[in-house]
């Protein structure tokens, strides 16, 4: 039997530099976990990503005159 847990923290950032609109992107933390069984050549595992369902922007832009955002992947029960 095995298990694993992880956390990732991204600090505050700015989406761009230079002569285009820069957006403040607040920091966030996500948590992941996995548990499983292994024997010989067989294993079974269940895992979850972004277990606290943090919804945050990882990239914001208005390069095409429309504000767009790339967001974190929603976790369970998202």
PDB file of N, CA and C in Angstrom:
ATOM      1  N   UNK A   1       0.855  -1.171   0.000  1.00  0.00           N
ATOM      2  CA  UNK A   1       0.000   0.000   0.000  1.00  0.00           C
ATOM      3  C   UNK A   1       0.903   1.237   0.000  1.00  0.00           C
ATOM      4  N   UNK A   2       0.455   2.278  -0.661  1.00  0.00           N
ATOM      5  CA  UNK A   2       1.226   3.519  -0.683  1.00  0.00           C
ATOM      6  C   UNK A   2       0.279   4.711  -0.705  1.00  0.00           C
ATOM      7  N   UNK A   3       0.798   5.844  -0.333  1.00  0.00           N
ATOM      8  CA  UNK A   3       0.051   7.099  -0.398  1.00  0.00           C
ATOM      9  C   UNK A   3       1.032   8.232  -0.634  1.00  0.00           C
ATOM     10  N   UNK A   4       0.498   9.323  -1.130  1.00  0.00           N
ATOM     11  CA  UNK A   4       1.325  10.497  -1.407  1.00  0.00           C
ATOM     12  C   UNK A   4       0.446  11.736  -1.311  1.00  0.00           C
ATOM     13  N   UNK A   5       0.993  12.797  -0.776  1.00  0.00           N
ATOM     14  CA  UNK A   5       0.272  14.074  -0.696  1.00  0.00           C
ATOM     15  C   UNK A   5       1.214  15.177  -1.175  1.00  0.00           C
ATOM     16  N   UNK A   6       0.644  16.197  -1.754  1.00  0.00           N
ATOM     17  CA  UNK A   6       1.469  17.295  -2.251  1.00  0.00           C
ATOM     18  C   UNK A   6       0.727  18.616  -2.166  1.00  0.00           C
ATOM     19  N   UNK A   7       1.493  19.685  -2.116  1.00  0.00           N
ATOM     20  CA  UNK A   7       0.933  21.036  -2.111  1.00  0.00           C
ATOM     21  C   UNK A   7       1.802  21.902  -3.017  1.00  0.00           C
ATOM     22  N   UNK A   8       1.156  22.813  -3.734  1.00  0.00           N
ATOM     23  CA  UNK A   8       1.871  23.754  -4.584  1.00  0.00           C
ATOM     24  C   UNK A   8       1.360  25.148  -4.249  1.00  0.00           C
ATOM     25  N   UNK A   9       2.303  26.067  -4.036  1.00  0.00           N
ATOM     26  CA  UNK A   9       1.919  27.450  -3.763  1.00  0.00           C
ATOM     27  C   UNK A   9       2.489  28.338  -4.866  1.00  0.00           C
ATOM     28  N   UNK A  10       1.634  29.194  -5.401  1.00  0.00           N
ATOM     29  CA  UNK A  10       2.041  30.185  -6.393  1.00  0.00           C
ATOM     30  C   UNK A  10       1.834  31.549  -5.752  1.00  0.00           C
ATOM     31  N   UNK A  11       2.882  32.354  -5.694  1.00  0.00           N
ATOM     32  CA  UNK A  11       2.789  33.677  -5.091  1.00  0.00           C
ATOM     33  C   UNK A  11       2.131  34.692  -6.017  1.00  0.00           C
ATOM     34  N   UNK A  12       1.876  35.877  -5.488  1.00  0.00           N
ATOM     35  CA  UNK A  12       1.310  36.967  -6.292  1.00  0.00           C
ATOM     36  C   UNK A  12       2.192  37.216  -7.512  1.00  0.00           C
ATOM     37  N   UNK A  13       1.559  37.554  -8.629  1.00  0.00           N
ATOM     38  CA  UNK A  13       2.318  37.834  -9.843  1.00  0.00           C
ATOM     39  C   UNK A  13       1.602  38.878 -10.681  1.00  0.00           C
ATOM     40  N   UNK A  14       2.301  39.356 -11.697  1.00  0.00           N
ATOM     41  CA  UNK A  14       1.750  40.311 -12.654  1.00  0.00           C
ATOM     42  C   UNK A  14       1.737  39.607 -14.007  1.00  0.00           C
ATOM     43  N   UNK A  15       0.643  39.758 -14.759  1.00  0.00           N
ATOM     44  CA  UNK A  15       0.456  38.983 -15.984  1.00  0.00           C
ATOM     45  C   UNK A  15       1.331  39.422 -17.148  1.00  0.00           C
ATOM     46  N   UNK A  16       1.842  40.651 -17.135  1.00  0.00           N
ATOM     47  CA  UNK A  16       2.595  41.123 -18.299  1.00  0.00           C
ATOM     48  C   UNK A  16       3.521  42.262 -17.901  1.00  0.00           C
ATOM     49  N   UNK A  17       4.449  42.549 -18.773  1.00  0.00           N
ATOM     50  CA  UNK A  17       5.316  43.718 -18.626  1.00  0.00           C
ATOM     51  C   UNK A  17       5.341  44.444 -19.959  1.00  0.00           C
ATOM     52  N   UNK A  18       5.765  45.656 -19.956  1.00  0.00           N
ATOM     53  CA  UNK A  18       5.869  46.384 -21.217  1.00  0.00           C
ATOM     54  C   UNK A  18       4.702  47.331 -21.438  1.00  0.00           C
ATOM     55  N   UNK A  19       4.302  47.498 -22.689  1.00  0.00           N
ATOM     56  CA  UNK A  19       3.292  48.484 -23.073  1.00  0.00           C
ATOM     57  C   UNK A  19       1.877  47.919 -23.189  1.00  0.00           C
ATOM     58  N   UNK A  20       1.592  46.791 -22.574  1.00  0.00           N
ATOM     59  CA  UNK A  20       0.235  46.245 -22.596  1.00  0.00           C
ATOM     60  C   UNK A  20      -0.322  46.250 -21.178  1.00  0.00           C
ATOM     61  N   UNK A  21      -1.621  46.065 -21.061  1.00  0.00           N
ATOM     62  CA  UNK A  21      -2.261  46.080 -19.747  1.00  0.00           C
ATOM     63  C   UNK A  21      -1.735  44.921 -18.913  1.00  0.00           C
ATOM     64  N   UNK A  22      -1.310  45.217 -17.674  1.00  0.00           N
ATOM     65  CA  UNK A  22      -0.835  44.193 -16.752  1.00  0.00           C
ATOM     66  C   UNK A  22      -1.892  43.969 -15.676  1.00  0.00           C
ATOM     67  N   UNK A  23      -2.194  42.715 -15.392  1.00  0.00           N
ATOM     68  CA  UNK A  23      -3.198  42.361 -14.398  1.00  0.00           C
ATOM     69  C   UNK A  23      -2.520  41.744 -13.185  1.00  0.00           C
ATOM     70  N   UNK A  24      -2.983  42.125 -11.994  1.00  0.00           N
ATOM     71  CA  UNK A  24      -2.497  41.525 -10.756  1.00  0.00           C
ATOM     72  C   UNK A  24      -3.142  40.150 -10.617  1.00  0.00           C
ATOM     73  N   UNK A  25      -2.341  39.155 -10.363  1.00  0.00           N
ATOM     74  CA  UNK A  25      -2.832  37.799 -10.161  1.00  0.00           C
ATOM     75  C   UNK A  25      -2.487  37.368  -8.747  1.00  0.00           C
ATOM     76  N   UNK A  26      -3.495  37.267  -7.867  1.00  0.00           N
ATOM     77  CA  UNK A  26      -3.240  36.887  -6.483  1.00  0.00           C
ATOM     78  C   UNK A  26      -2.664  35.476  -6.375  1.00  0.00           C
ATOM     79  N   UNK A  27      -1.926  35.223  -5.315  1.00  0.00           N
ATOM     80  CA  UNK A  27      -1.358  33.899  -5.083  1.00  0.00           C
ATOM     81  C   UNK A  27      -2.424  32.892  -4.691  1.00  0.00           C
ATOM     82  N   UNK A  28      -2.086  31.609  -4.795  1.00  0.00           N
ATOM     83  CA  UNK A  28      -2.999  30.544  -4.416  1.00  0.00           C
ATOM     84  C   UNK A  28      -2.208  29.282  -4.081  1.00  0.00           C
ATOM     85  N   UNK A  29      -2.849  28.360  -3.383  1.00  0.00           N
ATOM     86  CA  UNK A  29      -2.245  27.079  -3.019  1.00  0.00           C
ATOM     87  C   UNK A  29      -3.209  25.962  -3.405  1.00  0.00           C
ATOM     88  N   UNK A  30      -2.686  24.911  -4.021  1.00  0.00           N
ATOM     89  CA  UNK A  30      -3.498  23.737  -4.338  1.00  0.00           C
ATOM     90  C   UNK A  30      -2.920  22.513  -3.628  1.00  0.00           C
ATOM     91  N   UNK A  31      -3.787  21.526  -3.383  1.00  0.00           N
ATOM     92  CA  UNK A  31      -3.397  20.296  -2.696  1.00  0.00           C
ATOM     93  C   UNK A  31      -3.812  19.096  -3.529  1.00  0.00           C
ATOM     94  N   UNK A  32      -2.925  18.100  -3.599  1.00  0.00           N
ATOM     95  CA  UNK A  32      -3.175  16.864  -4.342  1.00  0.00           C
ATOM     96  C   UNK A  32      -2.911  15.681  -3.412  1.00  0.00           C
ATOM     97  N   UNK A  33      -3.496  14.529  -3.723  1.00  0.00           N
ATOM     98  CA  UNK A  33      -3.250  13.319  -2.930  1.00  0.00           C
ATOM     99  C   UNK A  33      -3.490  12.086  -3.784  1.00  0.00           C
ATOM    100  N   UNK A  34      -2.824  10.982  -3.400  1.00  0.00           N
ATOM    101  CA  UNK A  34      -3.010   9.700  -4.075  1.00  0.00           C
ATOM    102  C   UNK A  34      -2.868   8.586  -3.052  1.00  0.00           C
ATOM    103  N   UNK A  35      -3.596   7.495  -3.279  1.00  0.00           N
ATOM    104  CA  UNK A  35      -3.482   6.294  -2.447  1.00  0.00           C
ATOM    105  C   UNK A  35      -3.638   5.098  -3.364  1.00  0.00           C
ATOM    106  N   UNK A  36      -2.926   4.013  -3.044  1.00  0.00           N
ATOM    107  CA  UNK A  36      -3.015   2.866  -3.925  1.00  0.00           C
ATOM    108  C   UNK A  36      -2.441   1.601  -3.332  1.00  0.00           C
ATOM    109  N   UNK A  37      -2.579   0.540  -4.076  1.00  0.00           N
ATOM    110  CA  UNK A  37      -2.049  -0.775  -3.731  1.00  0.00           C
ATOM    111  C   UNK A  37      -1.200  -1.267  -4.890  1.00  0.00           C
ATOM    112  N   UNK A  38      -0.119  -1.973  -4.573  1.00  0.00           N
ATOM    113  CA  UNK A  38       0.737  -2.536  -5.617  1.00  0.00           C
ATOM    114  C   UNK A  38       1.182  -3.935  -5.210  1.00  0.00           C
ATOM    115  N   UNK A  39       1.194  -4.850  -6.169  1.00  0.00           N
ATOM    116  CA  UNK A  39       1.689  -6.212  -5.940  1.00  0.00           C
ATOM    117  C   UNK A  39       2.219  -6.745  -7.255  1.00  0.00           C
ATOM    118  N   UNK A  40       3.461  -7.159  -7.234  1.00  0.00           N
ATOM    119  CA  UNK A  40       4.130  -7.665  -8.425  1.00  0.00           C
ATOM    120  C   UNK A  40       4.001  -6.656  -9.574  1.00  0.00           C
ATOM    121  N   UNK A  41       3.412  -7.089 -10.698  1.00  0.00           N
ATOM    122  CA  UNK A  41       3.295  -6.187 -11.847  1.00  0.00           C
ATOM    123  C   UNK A  41       1.994  -5.387 -11.837  1.00  0.00           C
ATOM    124  N   UNK A  42       1.155  -5.567 -10.839  1.00  0.00           N
ATOM    125  CA  UNK A  42      -0.156  -4.918 -10.792  1.00  0.00           C
ATOM    126  C   UNK A  42      -0.168  -3.790  -9.777  1.00  0.00           C
ATOM    127  N   UNK A  43      -0.892  -2.735 -10.117  1.00  0.00           N
ATOM    128  CA  UNK A  43      -1.145  -1.699  -9.123  1.00  0.00           C
ATOM    129  C   UNK A  43      -2.473  -1.016  -9.436  1.00  0.00           C
ATOM    130  N   UNK A  44      -3.070  -0.503  -8.387  1.00  0.00           N
ATOM    131  CA  UNK A  44      -4.321   0.256  -8.512  1.00  0.00           C
ATOM    132  C   UNK A  44      -4.138   1.531  -7.703  1.00  0.00           C
ATOM    133  N   UNK A  45      -4.590   2.625  -8.258  1.00  0.00           N
ATOM    134  CA  UNK A  45      -4.360   3.913  -7.605  1.00  0.00           C
ATOM    135  C   UNK A  45      -5.555   4.834  -7.840  1.00  0.00           C
ATOM    136  N   UNK A  46      -5.857   5.630  -6.851  1.00  0.00           N
ATOM    137  CA  UNK A  46      -6.840   6.693  -7.009  1.00  0.00           C
ATOM    138  C   UNK A  46      -6.149   7.984  -6.596  1.00  0.00           C
ATOM    139  N   UNK A  47      -6.387   9.053  -7.339  1.00  0.00           N
ATOM    140  CA  UNK A  47      -5.729  10.309  -7.029  1.00  0.00           C
ATOM    141  C   UNK A  47      -6.695  11.463  -7.212  1.00  0.00           C
ATOM    142  N   UNK A  48      -6.386  12.548  -6.576  1.00  0.00           N
ATOM    143  CA  UNK A  48      -7.172  13.770  -6.722  1.00  0.00           C
ATOM    144  C   UNK A  48      -6.249  14.967  -6.862  1.00  0.00           C
ATOM    145  N   UNK A  49      -6.633  15.885  -7.718  1.00  0.00           N
ATOM    146  CA  UNK A  49      -5.874  17.114  -7.923  1.00  0.00           C
ATOM    147  C   UNK A  49      -6.731  18.294  -7.494  1.00  0.00           C
ATOM    148  N   UNK A  50      -6.090  19.331  -6.953  1.00  0.00           N
ATOM    149  CA  UNK A  50      -6.783  20.545  -6.528  1.00  0.00           C
ATOM    150  C   UNK A  50      -7.959  20.178  -5.624  1.00  0.00           C
ATOM    151  N   UNK A  51      -7.677  19.431  -4.557  1.00  0.00           N
ATOM    152  CA  UNK A  51      -8.714  18.884  -3.691  1.00  0.00           C
ATOM    153  C   UNK A  51      -9.563  19.949  -3.009  1.00  0.00           C
ATOM    154  N   UNK A  52      -9.074  21.153  -2.853  1.00  0.00           N
ATOM    155  CA  UNK A  52      -9.855  22.226  -2.237  1.00  0.00           C
ATOM    156  C   UNK A  52     -10.562  23.083  -3.272  1.00  0.00           C
ATOM    157  N   UNK A  53     -10.524  22.684  -4.537  1.00  0.00           N
ATOM    158  CA  UNK A  53     -11.206  23.368  -5.649  1.00  0.00           C
ATOM    159  C   UNK A  53     -10.897  24.863  -5.723  1.00  0.00           C
ATOM    160  N   UNK A  54      -9.620  25.208  -5.601  1.00  0.00           N
ATOM    161  CA  UNK A  54      -9.202  26.598  -5.750  1.00  0.00           C
ATOM    162  C   UNK A  54      -9.473  27.036  -7.184  1.00  0.00           C
ATOM    163  N   UNK A  55     -10.098  28.171  -7.358  1.00  0.00           N
ATOM    164  CA  UNK A  55     -10.385  28.713  -8.687  1.00  0.00           C
ATOM    165  C   UNK A  55      -9.620  30.028  -8.817  1.00  0.00           C
ATOM    166  N   UNK A  56      -8.486  30.000  -9.491  1.00  0.00           N
ATOM    167  CA  UNK A  56      -7.635  31.179  -9.600  1.00  0.00           C
ATOM    168  C   UNK A  56      -7.104  31.310 -11.016  1.00  0.00           C
ATOM    169  N   UNK A  57      -6.781  32.533 -11.402  1.00  0.00           N
ATOM    170  CA  UNK A  57      -6.241  32.786 -12.728  1.00  0.00           C
ATOM    171  C   UNK A  57      -4.750  32.467 -12.762  1.00  0.00           C
ATOM    172  N   UNK A  58      -4.345  31.693 -13.769  1.00  0.00           N
ATOM    173  CA  UNK A  58      -2.920  31.424 -13.973  1.00  0.00           C
ATOM    174  C   UNK A  58      -2.349  32.293 -15.080  1.00  0.00           C
ATOM    175  N   UNK A  59      -3.226  33.000 -15.796  1.00  0.00           N
ATOM    176  CA  UNK A  59      -2.793  33.904 -16.857  1.00  0.00           C
ATOM    177  C   UNK A  59      -3.949  34.778 -17.303  1.00  0.00           C
ATOM    178  N   UNK A  60      -3.740  36.092 -17.345  1.00  0.00           N
ATOM    179  CA  UNK A  60      -4.770  37.032 -17.779  1.00  0.00           C
ATOM    180  C   UNK A  60      -4.186  37.919 -18.865  1.00  0.00           C
ATOM    181  N   UNK A  61      -4.961  38.164 -19.914  1.00  0.00           N
ATOM    182  CA  UNK A  61      -4.472  38.951 -21.033  1.00  0.00           C
ATOM    183  C   UNK A  61      -5.626  39.704 -21.682  1.00  0.00           C
ATOM    184  N   UNK A  62      -5.305  40.815 -22.321  1.00  0.00           N
ATOM    185  CA  UNK A  62      -6.273  41.542 -23.136  1.00  0.00           C
ATOM    186  C   UNK A  62      -5.637  41.833 -24.491  1.00  0.00           C
ATOM    187  N   UNK A  63      -4.776  40.927 -24.930  1.00  0.00           N
ATOM    188  CA  UNK A  63      -4.010  41.123 -26.152  1.00  0.00           C
ATOM    189  C   UNK A  63      -4.846  41.248 -27.414  1.00  0.00           C
ATOM    190  N   UNK A  64      -6.039  40.683 -27.434  1.00  0.00           N
ATOM    191  CA  UNK A  64      -6.902  40.753 -28.613  1.00  0.00           C
ATOM    192  C   UNK A  64      -8.122  41.639 -28.333  1.00  0.00           C
ATOM    193  N   UNK A  65      -7.957  42.614 -27.445  1.00  0.00           N
ATOM    194  CA  UNK A  65      -9.004  43.574 -27.074  1.00  0.00           C
ATOM    195  C   UNK A  65     -10.149  42.940 -26.295  1.00  0.00           C
ATOM    196  N   UNK A  66      -9.981  41.716 -25.868  1.00  0.00           N
ATOM    197  CA  UNK A  66     -10.958  41.033 -25.026  1.00  0.00           C
ATOM    198  C   UNK A  66     -10.182  40.420 -23.869  1.00  0.00           C
ATOM    199  N   UNK A  67     -10.616  40.664 -22.641  1.00  0.00           N
ATOM    200  CA  UNK A  67      -9.907  40.103 -21.494  1.00  0.00           C
ATOM    201  C   UNK A  67     -10.170  38.602 -21.415  1.00  0.00           C
ATOM    202  N   UNK A  68      -9.101  37.824 -21.389  1.00  0.00           N
ATOM    203  CA  UNK A  68      -9.205  36.373 -21.275  1.00  0.00           C
ATOM    204  C   UNK A  68      -8.415  35.907 -20.069  1.00  0.00           C
ATOM    205  N   UNK A  69      -8.823  34.777 -19.493  1.00  0.00           N
ATOM    206  CA  UNK A  69      -8.121  34.199 -18.358  1.00  0.00           C
ATOM    207  C   UNK A  69      -7.958  32.701 -18.561  1.00  0.00           C
ATOM    208  N   UNK A  70      -6.825  32.194 -18.136  1.00  0.00           N
ATOM    209  CA  UNK A  70      -6.612  30.767 -18.018  1.00  0.00           C
ATOM    210  C   UNK A  70      -6.703  30.468 -16.539  1.00  0.00           C
ATOM    211  N   UNK A  71      -7.562  29.550 -16.152  1.00  0.00           N
ATOM    212  CA  UNK A  71      -7.801  29.300 -14.727  1.00  0.00           C
ATOM    213  C   UNK A  71      -7.294  27.932 -14.326  1.00  0.00           C
ATOM    214  N   UNK A  72      -7.147  27.740 -13.006  1.00  0.00           N
ATOM    215  CA  UNK A  72      -6.728  26.453 -12.483  1.00  0.00           C
ATOM    216  C   UNK A  72      -7.790  25.400 -12.774  1.00  0.00           C
ATOM    217  N   UNK A  73      -7.364  24.196 -12.893  1.00  0.00           N
ATOM    218  CA  UNK A  73      -8.290  23.076 -13.121  1.00  0.00           C
ATOM    219  C   UNK A  73      -9.050  22.819 -11.831  1.00  0.00           C
ATOM    220  N   UNK A  74     -10.375  22.724 -11.927  1.00  0.00           N
ATOM    221  CA  UNK A  74     -11.206  22.515 -10.737  1.00  0.00           C
ATOM    222  C   UNK A  74     -11.034  21.094 -10.229  1.00  0.00           C
ATOM    223  N   UNK A  75     -10.975  20.957  -8.920  1.00  0.00           N
ATOM    224  CA  UNK A  75     -10.841  19.645  -8.295  1.00  0.00           C
ATOM    225  C   UNK A  75     -12.177  19.069  -7.874  1.00  0.00           C
ATOM    226  N   UNK A  76     -12.130  17.933  -7.227  1.00  0.00           N
ATOM    227  CA  UNK A  76     -13.345  17.286  -6.750  1.00  0.00           C
ATOM    228  C   UNK A  76     -13.761  17.938  -5.450  1.00  0.00           C
ATOM    229  N   UNK A  77     -15.010  18.219  -5.177  1.00  0.00           N
ATOM    230  CA  UNK A  77     -16.170  17.893  -5.984  1.00  0.00           C
ATOM    231  C   UNK A  77     -16.512  18.970  -6.985  1.00  0.00           C
ATOM    232  N   UNK A  78     -15.580  19.899  -7.284  1.00  0.00           N
ATOM    233  CA  UNK A  78     -15.631  20.955  -8.241  1.00  0.00           C
ATOM    234  C   UNK A  78     -16.906  21.203  -8.896  1.00  0.00           C
TER     235      UNK A  78
END
